[in-house]
Amino acid sequence: MRFDVHDVPTEGLAESETIRGAYDCFVKQGYAILDNALPGDRMREVAAEFERRYAHYYNGTPAGEFMEVGNRRMMIPVELSGVFNDPLLFANPYVLAMLKMALGPDAVIEAFGAFVALPGAEKQHVHRDGPSLFDAGIARILPAHALTVVFPLIEMNDRHGSTRIWPGSHRHLENDPEGPNEAPVVPLGSCFMWDFRTYHSGTANVSDRQRPMLYAVYSRPWFKDSENYGRGVQRRLALEPGLKESLPKETKALFANV
């Protein structure tokens, strides 16, 4: 379920055997991992800047916009400015190729931020990022309407914690928690993506370090995530002024709903 894109040219990605294989995996299993989608050194720079900007969320009572998403777990908005104003993060060419196949050519970015599991965070409840569009058998055969992509800022492993995934569960109306599952190791520079309907769960952080990971949610243009953002606790997207206008046409199209 892993696909190394290190030597995959960014030209003609829709015809790439690697990307086609990753897409087929995504459709059948509900997730895929793209290794080496970003340079590891670049992600270390991003991780260092994240610590500088958001370390205040780690000490005492967090202040600012955030949502609790489990024991010692939070979801916070990340402004697309500075090192985060990098198309490799929010418009990564390998991710774009995948999401256009999965969601169509007019796919948009629905949300961007970070998940943080603090030291001592217990394993998370098993969940989907959003409910099925229909509570009927047809929900199991519909194509994806949204997907989540995460870029770890520290390696996802059995100490820092990872994301446990239930392969194929996007095709089930209910999940069997005891069914086949896996919690992959995902290093810096790789990304982990899953269908919004795929059951997953953050594993425990038994280390003495927080585990942040950037996330981006992409969707078909008619979908709005009211499940996670309907309460108005935090922004879906926080853009640096002038960001959208500065982007090339294809990348700007991702922000069509902003």
C-alpha atoms as a PDB file:
ATOM      1  CA  MET A   1       0.000   0.000   0.000  1.00  0.00           C
ATOM      2  CA  ARG A   2       3.086   2.226  -0.277  1.00  0.00           C
ATOM      3  CA  PHE A   3       4.289   3.942  -3.422  1.00  0.00           C
ATOM      4  CA  ASP A   4       7.688   5.631  -3.684  1.00  0.00           C
ATOM      5  CA  VAL A   5       7.471   8.724  -5.886  1.00  0.00           C
ATOM      6  CA  HIS A   6      11.088   9.849  -5.420  1.00  0.00           C
ATOM      7  CA  ASP A   7      12.071   9.185  -9.037  1.00  0.00           C
ATOM      8  CA  VAL A   8       8.644   9.790 -10.580  1.00  0.00           C
ATOM      9  CA  PRO A   9       8.727  12.858 -12.911  1.00  0.00           C
ATOM     10  CA  THR A  10       6.016  15.407 -12.175  1.00  0.00           C
ATOM     11  CA  GLU A  11       5.203  15.710 -15.872  1.00  0.00           C
ATOM     12  CA  GLY A  12       2.401  13.436 -17.068  1.00  0.00           C
ATOM     13  CA  LEU A  13       1.573  12.086 -13.624  1.00  0.00           C
ATOM     14  CA  ALA A  14      -1.876  10.945 -14.728  1.00  0.00           C
ATOM     15  CA  GLU A  15      -0.126   8.374 -16.928  1.00  0.00           C
ATOM     16  CA  SER A  16       2.439   7.324 -14.308  1.00  0.00           C
ATOM     17  CA  GLU A  17       2.270   3.623 -13.396  1.00  0.00           C
ATOM     18  CA  THR A  18       3.187   4.510  -9.815  1.00  0.00           C
ATOM     19  CA  ILE A  19       0.404   7.060  -9.449  1.00  0.00           C
ATOM     20  CA  ARG A  20      -2.095   4.789 -11.189  1.00  0.00           C
ATOM     21  CA  GLY A  21      -1.127   2.012  -8.789  1.00  0.00           C
ATOM     22  CA  ALA A  22      -1.550   4.338  -5.810  1.00  0.00           C
ATOM     23  CA  TYR A  23      -4.953   5.441  -7.095  1.00  0.00           C
ATOM     24  CA  ASP A  24      -6.106   1.837  -7.586  1.00  0.00           C
ATOM     25  CA  CYS A  25      -5.003   1.109  -4.025  1.00  0.00           C
ATOM     26  CA  PHE A  26      -6.886   4.166  -2.771  1.00  0.00           C
ATOM     27  CA  VAL A  27     -10.075   3.068  -4.536  1.00  0.00           C
ATOM     28  CA  LYS A  28      -9.878  -0.540  -3.334  1.00  0.00           C
ATOM     29  CA  GLN A  29      -8.375  -0.151   0.131  1.00  0.00           C
ATOM     30  CA  GLY A  30      -9.479   3.373   1.026  1.00  0.00           C
ATOM     31  CA  TYR A  31      -5.981   4.717   1.580  1.00  0.00           C
ATOM     32  CA  ALA A  32      -2.483   5.001   0.123  1.00  0.00           C
ATOM     33  CA  ILE A  33       0.943   6.183   1.278  1.00  0.00           C
ATOM     34  CA  LEU A  34       3.167   8.220  -1.037  1.00  0.00           C
ATOM     35  CA  ASP A  35       6.779   7.992   0.101  1.00  0.00           C
ATOM     36  CA  ASN A  36       9.222  10.810  -0.720  1.00  0.00           C
ATOM     37  CA  ALA A  37       6.506  13.197  -1.862  1.00  0.00           C
ATOM     38  CA  LEU A  38       8.549  16.007  -0.256  1.00  0.00           C
ATOM     39  CA  PRO A  39      12.232  16.390   0.627  1.00  0.00           C
ATOM     40  CA  GLY A  40      12.888  15.362   4.221  1.00  0.00           C
ATOM     41  CA  ASP A  41      15.051  18.460   4.796  1.00  0.00           C
ATOM     42  CA  ARG A  42      12.182  20.683   3.709  1.00  0.00           C
ATOM     43  CA  MET A  43       9.828  18.985   6.148  1.00  0.00           C
ATOM     44  CA  ARG A  44      12.323  19.463   8.973  1.00  0.00           C
ATOM     45  CA  GLU A  45      12.272  23.209   8.223  1.00  0.00           C
ATOM     46  CA  VAL A  46       8.472  23.150   8.279  1.00  0.00           C
ATOM     47  CA  ALA A  47       8.496  21.189  11.556  1.00  0.00           C
ATOM     48  CA  ALA A  48      10.862  23.713  13.176  1.00  0.00           C
ATOM     49  CA  GLU A  49       8.641  26.622  12.110  1.00  0.00           C
ATOM     50  CA  PHE A  50       5.570  24.796  13.393  1.00  0.00           C
ATOM     51  CA  GLU A  51       7.232  24.504  16.807  1.00  0.00           C
ATOM     52  CA  ARG A  52       8.038  28.221  16.815  1.00  0.00           C
ATOM     53  CA  ARG A  53       4.501  29.243  15.897  1.00  0.00           C
ATOM     54  CA  TYR A  54       2.411  26.784  17.832  1.00  0.00           C
ATOM     55  CA  ALA A  55       4.403  25.596  20.865  1.00  0.00           C
ATOM     56  CA  HIS A  56       2.050  27.627  23.095  1.00  0.00           C
ATOM     57  CA  TYR A  57      -0.609  24.993  22.424  1.00  0.00           C
ATOM     58  CA  TYR A  58       1.521  22.426  24.259  1.00  0.00           C
ATOM     59  CA  ASN A  59       1.882  24.153  27.628  1.00  0.00           C
ATOM     60  CA  GLY A  60      -0.873  24.339  30.206  1.00  0.00           C
ATOM     61  CA  THR A  61      -4.273  25.256  28.825  1.00  0.00           C
ATOM     62  CA  PRO A  62      -4.158  25.880  25.059  1.00  0.00           C
ATOM     63  CA  ALA A  63      -5.326  29.288  23.922  1.00  0.00           C
ATOM     64  CA  GLY A  64      -6.691  30.196  20.527  1.00  0.00           C
ATOM     65  CA  GLU A  65      -8.571  28.232  17.904  1.00  0.00           C
ATOM     66  CA  PHE A  66      -8.541  24.477  18.381  1.00  0.00           C
ATOM     67  CA  MET A  67     -10.795  21.468  18.725  1.00  0.00           C
ATOM     68  CA  GLU A  68     -10.241  18.535  21.042  1.00  0.00           C
ATOM     69  CA  VAL A  69     -10.290  15.337  18.993  1.00  0.00           C
ATOM     70  CA  GLY A  70      -9.477  12.848  21.744  1.00  0.00           C
ATOM     71  CA  ASN A  71      -7.448  12.466  24.921  1.00  0.00           C
ATOM     72  CA  ARG A  72      -4.572  14.992  24.742  1.00  0.00           C
ATOM     73  CA  ARG A  73      -5.264  15.467  21.050  1.00  0.00           C
ATOM     74  CA  MET A  74      -6.159  18.656  19.252  1.00  0.00           C
ATOM     75  CA  MET A  75      -6.816  19.999  15.792  1.00  0.00           C
ATOM     76  CA  ILE A  76      -5.596  23.541  15.094  1.00  0.00           C
ATOM     77  CA  PRO A  77      -5.649  25.820  12.037  1.00  0.00           C
ATOM     78  CA  VAL A  78      -2.319  26.581  10.356  1.00  0.00           C
ATOM     79  CA  GLU A  79      -2.046  29.822   8.439  1.00  0.00           C
ATOM     80  CA  LEU A  80      -0.752  29.417   4.905  1.00  0.00           C
ATOM     81  CA  SER A  81       2.031  31.975   5.292  1.00  0.00           C
ATOM     82  CA  GLY A  82       5.814  31.872   5.586  1.00  0.00           C
ATOM     83  CA  VAL A  83       7.149  28.344   5.099  1.00  0.00           C
ATOM     84  CA  PHE A  84       3.566  27.044   5.036  1.00  0.00           C
ATOM     85  CA  ASN A  85       2.856  29.146   1.957  1.00  0.00           C
ATOM     86  CA  ASP A  86       4.427  26.418  -0.124  1.00  0.00           C
ATOM     87  CA  PRO A  87       2.475  24.681  -2.910  1.00  0.00           C
ATOM     88  CA  LEU A  88       4.426  21.504  -2.140  1.00  0.00           C
ATOM     89  CA  LEU A  89       2.347  21.340   1.055  1.00  0.00           C
ATOM     90  CA  PHE A  90      -1.141  22.321  -0.114  1.00  0.00           C
ATOM     91  CA  ALA A  91      -0.831  21.578  -3.860  1.00  0.00           C
ATOM     92  CA  ASN A  92       1.730  18.796  -3.942  1.00  0.00           C
ATOM     93  CA  PRO A  93       1.919  17.532  -7.551  1.00  0.00           C
ATOM     94  CA  TYR A  94       1.702  13.858  -6.557  1.00  0.00           C
ATOM     95  CA  VAL A  95      -1.242  14.515  -4.261  1.00  0.00           C
ATOM     96  CA  LEU A  96      -2.934  16.665  -6.912  1.00  0.00           C
ATOM     97  CA  ALA A  97      -2.637  13.890  -9.472  1.00  0.00           C
ATOM     98  CA  MET A  98      -4.245  11.467  -7.027  1.00  0.00           C
ATOM     99  CA  LEU A  99      -7.049  13.732  -5.905  1.00  0.00           C
ATOM    100  CA  LYS A 100      -8.017  14.751  -9.430  1.00  0.00           C
ATOM    101  CA  MET A 101      -8.447  11.070 -10.277  1.00  0.00           C
ATOM    102  CA  ALA A 102     -10.341  10.410  -7.051  1.00  0.00           C
ATOM    103  CA  LEU A 103     -12.439  13.590  -6.849  1.00  0.00           C
ATOM    104  CA  GLY A 104     -12.494  14.958 -10.390  1.00  0.00           C
ATOM    105  CA  PRO A 105     -10.681  17.848 -12.107  1.00  0.00           C
ATOM    106  CA  ASP A 106     -12.561  20.538 -10.152  1.00  0.00           C
ATOM    107  CA  ALA A 107     -11.566  19.257  -6.694  1.00  0.00           C
ATOM    108  CA  VAL A 108     -11.032  21.963  -4.057  1.00  0.00           C
ATOM    109  CA  ILE A 109      -9.179  22.294  -0.779  1.00  0.00           C
ATOM    110  CA  GLU A 110     -11.731  22.207   2.013  1.00  0.00           C
ATOM    111  CA  ALA A 111      -9.504  22.640   5.089  1.00  0.00           C
ATOM    112  CA  PHE A 112      -5.874  22.896   6.187  1.00  0.00           C
ATOM    113  CA  GLY A 113      -4.366  22.628   9.648  1.00  0.00           C
ATOM    114  CA  ALA A 114      -2.587  20.290  12.018  1.00  0.00           C
ATOM    115  CA  PHE A 115      -3.390  17.396  14.293  1.00  0.00           C
ATOM    116  CA  VAL A 116      -1.288  17.209  17.456  1.00  0.00           C
ATOM    117  CA  ALA A 117      -1.048  14.217  19.805  1.00  0.00           C
ATOM    118  CA  LEU A 118       0.642  15.312  23.022  1.00  0.00           C
ATOM    119  CA  PRO A 119       2.896  13.001  25.080  1.00  0.00           C
ATOM    120  CA  GLY A 120       0.704  10.546  26.940  1.00  0.00           C
ATOM    121  CA  ALA A 121      -2.137  10.764  24.437  1.00  0.00           C
ATOM    122  CA  GLU A 122      -4.153   7.572  24.619  1.00  0.00           C
ATOM    123  CA  LYS A 123      -5.317   5.709  21.553  1.00  0.00           C
ATOM    124  CA  GLN A 124      -8.132   7.484  19.779  1.00  0.00           C
ATOM    125  CA  HIS A 125     -11.616   6.158  19.170  1.00  0.00           C
ATOM    126  CA  VAL A 126     -12.138   4.487  15.802  1.00  0.00           C
ATOM    127  CA  HIS A 127     -13.947   6.871  13.488  1.00  0.00           C
ATOM    128  CA  ARG A 128     -14.498   8.209  10.001  1.00  0.00           C
ATOM    129  CA  ASP A 129     -13.694  11.808   9.139  1.00  0.00           C
ATOM    130  CA  GLY A 130     -17.316  12.233   8.123  1.00  0.00           C
ATOM    131  CA  PRO A 131     -20.460  10.167   7.710  1.00  0.00           C
ATOM    132  CA  SER A 132     -21.467   8.460   4.498  1.00  0.00           C
ATOM    133  CA  LEU A 133     -23.574  10.618   2.219  1.00  0.00           C
ATOM    134  CA  PHE A 134     -26.323   7.997   2.297  1.00  0.00           C
ATOM    135  CA  ASP A 135     -27.275   5.439   4.945  1.00  0.00           C
ATOM    136  CA  ALA A 136     -27.947   2.806   2.326  1.00  0.00           C
ATOM    137  CA  GLY A 137     -26.128   0.125   0.394  1.00  0.00           C
ATOM    138  CA  ILE A 138     -25.280   2.521  -2.433  1.00  0.00           C
ATOM    139  CA  ALA A 139     -22.899   4.369  -0.073  1.00  0.00           C
ATOM    140  CA  ARG A 140     -20.487   1.443  -0.347  1.00  0.00           C
ATOM    141  CA  ILE A 141     -20.049   1.727  -4.090  1.00  0.00           C
ATOM    142  CA  LEU A 142     -19.982   5.494  -4.564  1.00  0.00           C
ATOM    143  CA  PRO A 143     -16.677   7.163  -5.450  1.00  0.00           C
ATOM    144  CA  ALA A 144     -14.979   9.341  -2.846  1.00  0.00           C
ATOM    145  CA  HIS A 145     -16.477  12.750  -2.108  1.00  0.00           C
ATOM    146  CA  ALA A 146     -13.606  13.917   0.135  1.00  0.00           C
ATOM    147  CA  LEU A 147     -10.204  12.730   1.282  1.00  0.00           C
ATOM    148  CA  THR A 148      -7.704  13.600   4.000  1.00  0.00           C
ATOM    149  CA  VAL A 149      -3.957  13.941   3.409  1.00  0.00           C
ATOM    150  CA  VAL A 150      -1.464  14.148   6.287  1.00  0.00           C
ATOM    151  CA  PHE A 151       2.212  15.101   6.238  1.00  0.00           C
ATOM    152  CA  PRO A 152       3.925  14.087   9.505  1.00  0.00           C
ATOM    153  CA  LEU A 153       6.227  16.633  11.154  1.00  0.00           C
ATOM    154  CA  ILE A 154       7.813  13.859  13.203  1.00  0.00           C
ATOM    155  CA  GLU A 155       7.967  10.227  12.137  1.00  0.00           C
ATOM    156  CA  MET A 156       4.743   8.341  12.714  1.00  0.00           C
ATOM    157  CA  ASN A 157       5.764   5.140  14.506  1.00  0.00           C
ATOM    158  CA  ASP A 158       4.958   2.939  17.484  1.00  0.00           C
ATOM    159  CA  ARG A 159       6.445   5.417  19.998  1.00  0.00           C
ATOM    160  CA  HIS A 160       5.263   8.797  18.721  1.00  0.00           C
ATOM    161  CA  GLY A 161       2.045   7.231  17.492  1.00  0.00           C
ATOM    162  CA  SER A 162       0.679   6.633  14.035  1.00  0.00           C
ATOM    163  CA  THR A 163      -2.724   6.377  12.379  1.00  0.00           C
ATOM    164  CA  ARG A 164      -4.264   2.930  12.491  1.00  0.00           C
ATOM    165  CA  ILE A 165      -6.272   2.232   9.352  1.00  0.00           C
ATOM    166  CA  TRP A 166      -8.851  -0.428   8.475  1.00  0.00           C
ATOM    167  CA  PRO A 167      -8.260  -1.301   4.795  1.00  0.00           C
ATOM    168  CA  GLY A 168     -11.421  -1.511   2.721  1.00  0.00           C
ATOM    169  CA  SER A 169     -13.627  -0.088   5.480  1.00  0.00           C
ATOM    170  CA  HIS A 170     -14.804   2.742   3.213  1.00  0.00           C
ATOM    171  CA  ARG A 171     -16.897   0.059   1.512  1.00  0.00           C
ATOM    172  CA  HIS A 172     -18.675  -0.905   4.765  1.00  0.00           C
ATOM    173  CA  LEU A 173     -21.603   0.793   6.444  1.00  0.00           C
ATOM    174  CA  GLU A 174     -20.177  -0.283   9.819  1.00  0.00           C
ATOM    175  CA  ASN A 175     -16.663  -1.222  10.883  1.00  0.00           C
ATOM    176  CA  ASP A 176     -15.365  -4.265  12.737  1.00  0.00           C
ATOM    177  CA  PRO A 177     -12.775  -2.881  15.220  1.00  0.00           C
ATOM    178  CA  GLU A 178     -11.246  -6.343  15.434  1.00  0.00           C
ATOM    179  CA  GLY A 179     -10.953  -6.668  11.667  1.00  0.00           C
ATOM    180  CA  PRO A 180      -7.645  -6.451   9.758  1.00  0.00           C
ATOM    181  CA  ASN A 181      -5.894  -3.154  10.375  1.00  0.00           C
ATOM    182  CA  GLU A 182      -2.434  -1.634  10.368  1.00  0.00           C
ATOM    183  CA  ALA A 183      -0.563   1.337  11.831  1.00  0.00           C
ATOM    184  CA  PRO A 184       2.185   2.142   9.319  1.00  0.00           C
ATOM    185  CA  VAL A 185       5.463   3.920   9.958  1.00  0.00           C
ATOM    186  CA  VAL A 186       5.382   7.157   7.966  1.00  0.00           C
ATOM    187  CA  PRO A 187       8.630   9.196   7.852  1.00  0.00           C
ATOM    188  CA  LEU A 188       9.087  12.890   7.180  1.00  0.00           C
ATOM    189  CA  GLY A 189       8.630  13.627   3.503  1.00  0.00           C
ATOM    190  CA  SER A 190       5.983  10.959   2.996  1.00  0.00           C
ATOM    191  CA  CYS A 191       2.234  11.510   3.046  1.00  0.00           C
ATOM    192  CA  PHE A 192      -0.642   9.322   4.135  1.00  0.00           C
ATOM    193  CA  MET A 193      -4.031   9.800   2.474  1.00  0.00           C
ATOM    194  CA  TRP A 194      -7.382   8.181   3.082  1.00  0.00           C
ATOM    195  CA  ASP A 195     -10.956   8.331   1.860  1.00  0.00           C
ATOM    196  CA  PHE A 196     -13.188  10.377   4.197  1.00  0.00           C
ATOM    197  CA  ARG A 197     -15.228   7.206   4.787  1.00  0.00           C
ATOM    198  CA  THR A 198     -12.297   4.982   5.812  1.00  0.00           C
ATOM    199  CA  TYR A 199     -12.248   4.008   9.468  1.00  0.00           C
ATOM    200  CA  HIS A 200      -9.088   4.987  11.314  1.00  0.00           C
ATOM    201  CA  SER A 201      -7.751   5.837  14.767  1.00  0.00           C
ATOM    202  CA  GLY A 202      -4.726   7.658  16.147  1.00  0.00           C
ATOM    203  CA  THR A 203      -2.514   5.326  18.187  1.00  0.00           C
ATOM    204  CA  ALA A 204      -1.109   6.215  21.611  1.00  0.00           C
ATOM    205  CA  ASN A 205       1.841   8.596  21.934  1.00  0.00           C
ATOM    206  CA  VAL A 206       4.081   6.870  24.493  1.00  0.00           C
ATOM    207  CA  SER A 207       7.058   9.150  23.801  1.00  0.00           C
ATOM    208  CA  ASP A 208       8.022  12.389  25.556  1.00  0.00           C
ATOM    209  CA  ARG A 209       7.515  14.436  22.358  1.00  0.00           C
ATOM    210  CA  GLN A 210       4.376  15.859  20.803  1.00  0.00           C
ATOM    211  CA  ARG A 211       3.399  14.357  17.459  1.00  0.00           C
ATOM    212  CA  PRO A 212       2.183  17.047  15.031  1.00  0.00           C
ATOM    213  CA  MET A 213       1.135  16.371  11.479  1.00  0.00           C
ATOM    214  CA  LEU A 214      -0.185  18.756   8.887  1.00  0.00           C
ATOM    215  CA  TYR A 215      -3.463  17.816   7.271  1.00  0.00           C
ATOM    216  CA  ALA A 216      -5.326  18.951   4.192  1.00  0.00           C
ATOM    217  CA  VAL A 217      -8.876  17.963   3.306  1.00  0.00           C
ATOM    218  CA  TYR A 218      -9.824  17.981  -0.382  1.00  0.00           C
ATOM    219  CA  SER A 219     -13.325  17.485  -1.706  1.00  0.00           C
ATOM    220  CA  ARG A 220     -15.669  17.744  -4.624  1.00  0.00           C
ATOM    221  CA  PRO A 221     -16.740  21.405  -4.950  1.00  0.00           C
ATOM    222  CA  TRP A 222     -20.280  20.843  -3.654  1.00  0.00           C
ATOM    223  CA  PHE A 223     -19.205  19.226  -0.366  1.00  0.00           C
ATOM    224  CA  LYS A 224     -18.877  21.163   2.904  1.00  0.00           C
ATOM    225  CA  ASP A 225     -17.607  19.460   6.061  1.00  0.00           C
ATOM    226  CA  SER A 226     -20.279  20.483   8.559  1.00  0.00           C
ATOM    227  CA  GLU A 227     -19.413  17.555  10.827  1.00  0.00           C
ATOM    228  CA  ASN A 228     -16.041  18.963  11.917  1.00  0.00           C
ATOM    229  CA  TYR A 229     -16.420  22.672  11.191  1.00  0.00           C
ATOM    230  CA  GLY A 230     -20.118  23.323  11.679  1.00  0.00           C
ATOM    231  CA  ARG A 231     -19.582  24.447  15.283  1.00  0.00           C
ATOM    232  CA  GLY A 232     -17.527  27.469  14.233  1.00  0.00           C
ATOM    233  CA  VAL A 233     -14.766  26.706  16.734  1.00  0.00           C
ATOM    234  CA  GLN A 234     -11.989  27.171  14.210  1.00  0.00           C
ATOM    235  CA  ARG A 235     -11.479  28.216  10.617  1.00  0.00           C
ATOM    236  CA  ARG A 236     -11.330  25.672   7.829  1.00  0.00           C
ATOM    237  CA  LEU A 237      -8.648  27.699   6.057  1.00  0.00           C
ATOM    238  CA  ALA A 238      -6.404  30.546   7.207  1.00  0.00           C
ATOM    239  CA  LEU A 239      -4.798  32.275   4.228  1.00  0.00           C
ATOM    240  CA  GLU A 240      -2.058  34.860   4.126  1.00  0.00           C
ATOM    241  CA  PRO A 241      -3.487  38.049   2.532  1.00  0.00           C
ATOM    242  CA  GLY A 242      -3.015  37.954  -1.225  1.00  0.00           C
ATOM    243  CA  LEU A 243      -2.109  34.254  -1.292  1.00  0.00           C
ATOM    244  CA  LYS A 244      -4.934  33.166  -3.586  1.00  0.00           C
ATOM    245  CA  GLU A 245      -4.281  35.959  -6.094  1.00  0.00           C
ATOM    246  CA  SER A 246      -0.569  35.102  -6.256  1.00  0.00           C
ATOM    247  CA  LEU A 247      -1.077  31.491  -7.293  1.00  0.00           C
ATOM    248  CA  PRO A 248      -0.945  30.133 -10.850  1.00  0.00           C
ATOM    249  CA  LYS A 249      -4.314  29.379 -12.432  1.00  0.00           C
ATOM    250  CA  GLU A 250      -4.374  25.613 -11.793  1.00  0.00           C
ATOM    251  CA  THR A 251      -3.352  25.953  -8.152  1.00  0.00           C
ATOM    252  CA  LYS A 252      -5.718  28.891  -7.586  1.00  0.00           C
ATOM    253  CA  ALA A 253      -8.595  26.645  -8.703  1.00  0.00           C
ATOM    254  CA  LEU A 254      -8.121  24.620  -5.505  1.00  0.00           C
ATOM    255  CA  PHE A 255      -9.382  27.662  -3.582  1.00  0.00           C
ATOM    256  CA  ALA A 256     -12.481  28.176  -5.729  1.00  0.00           C
ATOM    257  CA  ASN A 257     -14.752  27.936  -2.662  1.00  0.00           C
ATOM    258  CA  VAL A 258     -12.796  30.474  -0.588  1.00  0.00           C
END
